[in-house]
Each structure stands twice: as structure tokens, then as C-alpha cells.
Amino acid sequence: MVREPDTGADGAAGSARAQLDLVGTGARVVVADGDAPRRAALLDELTQRLPERTRFVEASSIVQALELARGSRMVVIGGAVQGASASSLARSLARRHPDVHVVDLAAPTRSRR
């Protein structure tokens, strides 16, 4: 069962949901991470934030991620998978499936100065 996010007083969950509208009706999202506990935590977070009609599949290897990306709306990368680093997986996905949205949560953040 998918739990709805707590909207709180500021309505932040509503604005977050509006930003996540790219996941349409019955869309499939691939959650890719070679670390099972981290992948499970990411999956739990996504099921709370994305529309309840979103279908999720998990990938722990590059082969699984590339295959499951076909026909998916988005791939969320939590970390390295078997056979590739997170950044290598992101590049491979961009080449093979240019229409699939890729979110690399493992990418280093750049600070603005």
C-alpha cells in the first residue's frame, strides 16, 4: 500500500507532487542500486512520494537496469550496480534509452560559490 506524504502546514508535499507529474498513469519506474538495503529505502521513499498508480521494478545489475529501462518512464539510480558505477550506468542509459528520464542520486553535488 502506498502512503500519502504528510502535507504539513506549508503544503510542500503538494508542490513536490506537482513536480513529479512526469510519472504518468501506470508509469513504470526502475530503482537501480546494487546495495539491497539502500535500494529498499529508496523504493520506500519513492512509493511515498510518487502517485499510487506508479509501478516500481528493481535492478541490482547493469544488465537488469538496461533491460528494464526499455518501456519505463524513469530510472532512479541510488548507487553503483553490479557491473557499473552509478555514473557509468547513467551514461549507458542516456545512450541506449534517450527518452527515459534518469535521476542519478549518487552523482556528486556541485556547490555554488
N, C-alpha and C. Protein backbone atom coordinates (compact mmCIF):
# COMPACT_ATOMS: atom_id res chain seq x y z
N MET A 1 0.84 -1.17 0.00
CA MET A 1 0.00 0.00 0.00
C MET A 1 0.89 1.23 0.00
N VAL A 2 0.52 2.22 -0.78
CA VAL A 2 1.29 3.44 -0.89
C VAL A 2 0.76 4.44 0.10
N ARG A 3 1.64 5.00 0.89
CA ARG A 3 1.24 6.01 1.87
C ARG A 3 1.35 7.39 1.26
N GLU A 4 0.40 8.23 1.55
CA GLU A 4 0.43 9.60 1.06
C GLU A 4 1.41 10.41 1.91
N PRO A 5 2.17 11.34 1.31
CA PRO A 5 3.08 12.16 2.09
C PRO A 5 2.32 13.13 2.97
N ASP A 6 2.91 13.45 4.10
CA ASP A 6 2.34 14.41 5.02
C ASP A 6 2.48 15.80 4.41
N THR A 7 1.36 16.50 4.21
CA THR A 7 1.42 17.80 3.57
C THR A 7 1.92 18.89 4.49
N GLY A 8 1.76 18.73 5.77
CA GLY A 8 2.23 19.74 6.71
C GLY A 8 1.52 21.06 6.50
N ALA A 9 1.92 22.06 7.24
CA ALA A 9 1.27 23.36 7.19
C ALA A 9 1.61 24.13 5.91
N ASP A 10 2.78 23.89 5.35
CA ASP A 10 3.21 24.68 4.20
C ASP A 10 2.80 24.09 2.86
N GLY A 11 2.18 22.90 2.85
CA GLY A 11 1.74 22.29 1.60
C GLY A 11 2.88 21.84 0.71
N ALA A 12 4.06 21.59 1.28
CA ALA A 12 5.23 21.21 0.49
C ALA A 12 5.02 19.92 -0.29
N ALA A 13 4.27 18.99 0.25
CA ALA A 13 4.06 17.73 -0.46
C ALA A 13 3.27 17.97 -1.74
N GLY A 14 2.33 18.91 -1.72
CA GLY A 14 1.57 19.22 -2.92
C GLY A 14 2.46 19.76 -4.02
N SER A 15 3.40 20.65 -3.67
CA SER A 15 4.29 21.18 -4.69
C SER A 15 5.26 20.11 -5.17
N ALA A 16 5.69 19.22 -4.29
CA ALA A 16 6.57 18.12 -4.70
C ALA A 16 5.83 17.19 -5.64
N ARG A 17 4.58 16.91 -5.35
CA ARG A 17 3.78 16.04 -6.22
C ARG A 17 3.61 16.69 -7.59
N ALA A 18 3.40 18.00 -7.63
CA ALA A 18 3.26 18.70 -8.91
C ALA A 18 4.54 18.58 -9.73
N GLN A 19 5.69 18.61 -9.08
CA GLN A 19 6.96 18.49 -9.78
C GLN A 19 7.18 17.08 -10.30
N LEU A 20 6.51 16.10 -9.74
CA LEU A 20 6.70 14.72 -10.13
C LEU A 20 5.64 14.24 -11.10
N ASP A 21 4.94 15.16 -11.74
CA ASP A 21 3.89 14.79 -12.69
C ASP A 21 4.41 14.09 -13.92
N LEU A 22 5.73 14.05 -14.14
CA LEU A 22 6.26 13.36 -15.30
C LEU A 22 6.00 11.87 -15.22
N VAL A 23 5.65 11.39 -14.05
CA VAL A 23 5.30 9.97 -13.91
C VAL A 23 3.81 9.86 -14.14
N GLY A 24 3.43 9.45 -15.33
CA GLY A 24 2.03 9.40 -15.73
C GLY A 24 1.31 8.16 -15.25
N THR A 25 0.11 8.03 -15.72
CA THR A 25 -0.75 6.92 -15.36
C THR A 25 -0.10 5.59 -15.66
N GLY A 26 0.03 4.76 -14.65
CA GLY A 26 0.58 3.43 -14.84
C GLY A 26 2.04 3.40 -15.23
N ALA A 27 2.74 4.50 -15.04
CA ALA A 27 4.14 4.57 -15.43
C ALA A 27 4.97 3.60 -14.61
N ARG A 28 6.05 3.10 -15.24
CA ARG A 28 6.96 2.19 -14.54
C ARG A 28 8.24 2.96 -14.24
N VAL A 29 8.72 2.82 -13.01
CA VAL A 29 9.96 3.44 -12.57
C VAL A 29 10.91 2.33 -12.14
N VAL A 30 12.13 2.38 -12.66
CA VAL A 30 13.18 1.43 -12.29
C VAL A 30 13.99 2.04 -11.16
N VAL A 31 14.16 1.30 -10.09
CA VAL A 31 15.01 1.72 -8.97
C VAL A 31 16.26 0.85 -9.04
N ALA A 32 17.39 1.49 -9.39
CA ALA A 32 18.63 0.75 -9.62
C ALA A 32 19.66 1.06 -8.54
N ASP A 33 20.11 0.01 -7.87
CA ASP A 33 21.15 0.14 -6.85
C ASP A 33 21.61 -1.27 -6.50
N GLY A 34 22.90 -1.47 -6.43
CA GLY A 34 23.45 -2.79 -6.11
C GLY A 34 23.38 -3.12 -4.64
N ASP A 35 23.14 -2.14 -3.79
CA ASP A 35 23.06 -2.34 -2.34
C ASP A 35 21.58 -2.53 -1.97
N ALA A 36 21.22 -3.75 -1.61
CA ALA A 36 19.81 -4.08 -1.36
C ALA A 36 19.14 -3.22 -0.28
N PRO A 37 19.77 -3.00 0.88
CA PRO A 37 19.11 -2.16 1.90
C PRO A 37 18.91 -0.71 1.42
N ARG A 38 19.89 -0.17 0.73
CA ARG A 38 19.77 1.21 0.22
C ARG A 38 18.68 1.27 -0.85
N ARG A 39 18.62 0.25 -1.70
CA ARG A 39 17.59 0.19 -2.74
C ARG A 39 16.20 0.11 -2.11
N ALA A 40 16.07 -0.69 -1.07
CA ALA A 40 14.78 -0.82 -0.37
C ALA A 40 14.36 0.50 0.26
N ALA A 41 15.30 1.22 0.86
CA ALA A 41 14.99 2.52 1.46
C ALA A 41 14.56 3.53 0.39
N LEU A 42 15.25 3.51 -0.73
CA LEU A 42 14.90 4.41 -1.83
C LEU A 42 13.52 4.06 -2.38
N LEU A 43 13.25 2.80 -2.53
CA LEU A 43 11.94 2.35 -3.01
C LEU A 43 10.84 2.79 -2.05
N ASP A 44 11.08 2.66 -0.76
CA ASP A 44 10.10 3.09 0.23
C ASP A 44 9.83 4.59 0.11
N GLU A 45 10.89 5.38 -0.04
CA GLU A 45 10.74 6.83 -0.19
C GLU A 45 9.95 7.18 -1.45
N LEU A 46 10.27 6.53 -2.55
CA LEU A 46 9.59 6.83 -3.81
C LEU A 46 8.12 6.44 -3.78
N THR A 47 7.79 5.32 -3.14
CA THR A 47 6.39 4.90 -3.07
C THR A 47 5.56 5.88 -2.24
N GLN A 48 6.20 6.60 -1.34
CA GLN A 48 5.50 7.60 -0.54
C GLN A 48 5.31 8.90 -1.31
N ARG A 49 6.17 9.17 -2.28
CA ARG A 49 6.16 10.46 -2.96
C ARG A 49 5.51 10.48 -4.34
N LEU A 50 5.55 9.35 -5.04
CA LEU A 50 5.02 9.31 -6.39
C LEU A 50 3.57 8.84 -6.38
N PRO A 51 2.82 9.13 -7.44
CA PRO A 51 1.41 8.72 -7.49
C PRO A 51 1.26 7.22 -7.24
N GLU A 52 0.16 6.84 -6.61
CA GLU A 52 -0.01 5.44 -6.21
C GLU A 52 -0.15 4.50 -7.41
N ARG A 53 -0.48 5.00 -8.56
CA ARG A 53 -0.59 4.14 -9.75
C ARG A 53 0.77 3.83 -10.38
N THR A 54 1.83 4.41 -9.84
CA THR A 54 3.18 4.17 -10.36
C THR A 54 3.61 2.74 -10.02
N ARG A 55 4.15 2.04 -11.01
CA ARG A 55 4.67 0.69 -10.80
C ARG A 55 6.19 0.79 -10.66
N PHE A 56 6.75 0.04 -9.74
CA PHE A 56 8.18 0.05 -9.48
C PHE A 56 8.78 -1.32 -9.77
N VAL A 57 9.97 -1.30 -10.36
CA VAL A 57 10.75 -2.52 -10.54
C VAL A 57 12.16 -2.22 -10.04
N GLU A 58 12.84 -3.25 -9.59
CA GLU A 58 14.17 -3.08 -9.03
C GLU A 58 15.23 -3.71 -9.92
N ALA A 59 16.40 -3.07 -9.93
CA ALA A 59 17.53 -3.60 -10.68
C ALA A 59 18.78 -3.51 -9.80
N SER A 60 19.53 -4.61 -9.76
CA SER A 60 20.76 -4.62 -8.98
C SER A 60 22.00 -4.73 -9.87
N SER A 61 21.78 -4.92 -11.17
CA SER A 61 22.92 -5.02 -12.10
C SER A 61 22.69 -4.12 -13.30
N ILE A 62 23.76 -3.85 -14.03
CA ILE A 62 23.63 -3.01 -15.22
C ILE A 62 22.75 -3.67 -16.27
N VAL A 63 22.87 -4.99 -16.39
CA VAL A 63 22.06 -5.72 -17.38
C VAL A 63 20.58 -5.56 -17.06
N GLN A 64 20.21 -5.75 -15.81
CA GLN A 64 18.81 -5.60 -15.41
C GLN A 64 18.33 -4.18 -15.65
N ALA A 65 19.13 -3.19 -15.26
CA ALA A 65 18.72 -1.79 -15.39
C ALA A 65 18.50 -1.42 -16.86
N LEU A 66 19.42 -1.84 -17.74
CA LEU A 66 19.28 -1.51 -19.15
C LEU A 66 18.07 -2.19 -19.77
N GLU A 67 17.82 -3.43 -19.38
CA GLU A 67 16.67 -4.14 -19.93
C GLU A 67 15.36 -3.56 -19.41
N LEU A 68 15.29 -3.30 -18.12
CA LEU A 68 14.06 -2.78 -17.53
C LEU A 68 13.77 -1.34 -17.94
N ALA A 69 14.80 -0.60 -18.31
CA ALA A 69 14.60 0.80 -18.73
C ALA A 69 13.74 0.88 -19.98
N ARG A 70 13.86 -0.12 -20.85
CA ARG A 70 13.04 -0.15 -22.06
C ARG A 70 11.58 -0.22 -21.62
N GLY A 71 10.79 0.72 -22.05
CA GLY A 71 9.38 0.74 -21.69
C GLY A 71 9.09 1.41 -20.36
N SER A 72 10.12 1.92 -19.68
CA SER A 72 9.92 2.62 -18.42
C SER A 72 9.90 4.13 -18.65
N ARG A 73 9.34 4.83 -17.71
CA ARG A 73 9.28 6.29 -17.79
C ARG A 73 10.52 6.92 -17.16
N MET A 74 11.06 6.26 -16.12
CA MET A 74 12.17 6.86 -15.39
C MET A 74 13.01 5.77 -14.75
N VAL A 75 14.33 6.07 -14.60
CA VAL A 75 15.23 5.22 -13.84
C VAL A 75 15.84 6.09 -12.74
N VAL A 76 15.71 5.64 -11.50
CA VAL A 76 16.31 6.33 -10.37
C VAL A 76 17.49 5.50 -9.92
N ILE A 77 18.68 6.09 -9.98
CA ILE A 77 19.91 5.39 -9.60
C ILE A 77 20.29 5.83 -8.19
N GLY A 78 20.34 4.87 -7.28
CA GLY A 78 20.71 5.17 -5.90
C GLY A 78 22.19 4.99 -5.63
N GLY A 79 22.83 4.17 -6.44
CA GLY A 79 24.25 3.89 -6.24
C GLY A 79 24.74 2.92 -7.30
N ALA A 80 25.96 2.49 -7.16
CA ALA A 80 26.57 1.56 -8.12
C ALA A 80 25.76 0.27 -8.20
N VAL A 81 25.75 -0.31 -9.37
CA VAL A 81 25.10 -1.61 -9.58
C VAL A 81 26.18 -2.61 -9.95
N GLN A 82 25.83 -3.88 -9.93
CA GLN A 82 26.79 -4.92 -10.31
C GLN A 82 27.17 -4.69 -11.78
N GLY A 83 28.44 -4.46 -12.02
CA GLY A 83 28.93 -4.27 -13.37
C GLY A 83 29.14 -2.84 -13.80
N ALA A 84 28.74 -1.87 -12.96
CA ALA A 84 28.92 -0.48 -13.36
C ALA A 84 28.77 0.47 -12.17
N SER A 85 29.49 1.56 -12.24
CA SER A 85 29.30 2.63 -11.25
C SER A 85 27.98 3.34 -11.59
N ALA A 86 27.51 4.15 -10.69
CA ALA A 86 26.27 4.90 -10.93
C ALA A 86 26.41 5.81 -12.14
N SER A 87 27.56 6.49 -12.25
CA SER A 87 27.74 7.41 -13.38
C SER A 87 27.85 6.67 -14.71
N SER A 88 28.47 5.49 -14.71
CA SER A 88 28.55 4.68 -15.93
C SER A 88 27.17 4.20 -16.34
N LEU A 89 26.37 3.80 -15.37
CA LEU A 89 25.01 3.38 -15.66
C LEU A 89 24.21 4.54 -16.25
N ALA A 90 24.34 5.72 -15.67
CA ALA A 90 23.62 6.89 -16.18
C ALA A 90 23.99 7.18 -17.63
N ARG A 91 25.29 7.10 -17.94
CA ARG A 91 25.74 7.35 -19.32
C ARG A 91 25.20 6.28 -20.27
N SER A 92 25.25 5.02 -19.85
CA SER A 92 24.74 3.93 -20.68
C SER A 92 23.25 4.08 -20.95
N LEU A 93 22.51 4.46 -19.92
CA LEU A 93 21.07 4.67 -20.09
C LEU A 93 20.79 5.82 -21.05
N ALA A 94 21.55 6.89 -20.94
CA ALA A 94 21.35 8.04 -21.83
C ALA A 94 21.60 7.67 -23.28
N ARG A 95 22.60 6.81 -23.53
CA ARG A 95 22.89 6.38 -24.90
C ARG A 95 21.83 5.41 -25.44
N ARG A 96 21.46 4.43 -24.63
CA ARG A 96 20.55 3.38 -25.11
C ARG A 96 19.08 3.77 -25.07
N HIS A 97 18.73 4.59 -24.12
CA HIS A 97 17.32 4.96 -23.93
C HIS A 97 17.22 6.48 -23.72
N PRO A 98 17.45 7.26 -24.77
CA PRO A 98 17.48 8.72 -24.61
C PRO A 98 16.15 9.33 -24.18
N ASP A 99 15.04 8.64 -24.34
CA ASP A 99 13.74 9.18 -23.95
C ASP A 99 13.37 8.88 -22.49
N VAL A 100 14.17 8.07 -21.83
CA VAL A 100 13.90 7.71 -20.43
C VAL A 100 14.55 8.74 -19.52
N HIS A 101 13.79 9.25 -18.57
CA HIS A 101 14.34 10.18 -17.58
C HIS A 101 15.25 9.40 -16.63
N VAL A 102 16.43 9.94 -16.38
CA VAL A 102 17.39 9.30 -15.48
C VAL A 102 17.71 10.26 -14.34
N VAL A 103 17.53 9.78 -13.13
CA VAL A 103 17.86 10.56 -11.94
C VAL A 103 18.98 9.82 -11.23
N ASP A 104 20.16 10.43 -11.18
CA ASP A 104 21.32 9.81 -10.54
C ASP A 104 21.52 10.45 -9.17
N LEU A 105 21.00 9.81 -8.15
CA LEU A 105 21.11 10.33 -6.79
C LEU A 105 22.51 10.17 -6.22
N ALA A 106 23.32 9.34 -6.86
CA ALA A 106 24.68 9.11 -6.39
C ALA A 106 25.67 10.13 -6.96
N ALA A 107 25.22 10.94 -7.90
CA ALA A 107 26.12 11.93 -8.52
C ALA A 107 26.55 12.95 -7.48
N PRO A 108 27.83 13.34 -7.51
CA PRO A 108 28.28 14.34 -6.56
C PRO A 108 27.59 15.67 -6.84
N THR A 109 27.25 16.36 -5.77
CA THR A 109 26.61 17.66 -5.94
C THR A 109 27.68 18.73 -6.05
N ARG A 110 27.39 19.72 -6.84
CA ARG A 110 28.31 20.84 -7.02
C ARG A 110 27.78 22.02 -6.25
N SER A 111 28.60 22.60 -5.43
CA SER A 111 28.15 23.76 -4.66
C SER A 111 28.45 25.03 -5.45
N ARG A 112 27.53 25.98 -5.33
CA ARG A 112 27.72 27.29 -5.97
C ARG A 112 28.43 28.20 -5.01
N ARG A 113 29.32 28.98 -5.56
CA ARG A 113 30.05 29.93 -4.69
C ARG A 113 29.75 31.32 -5.09
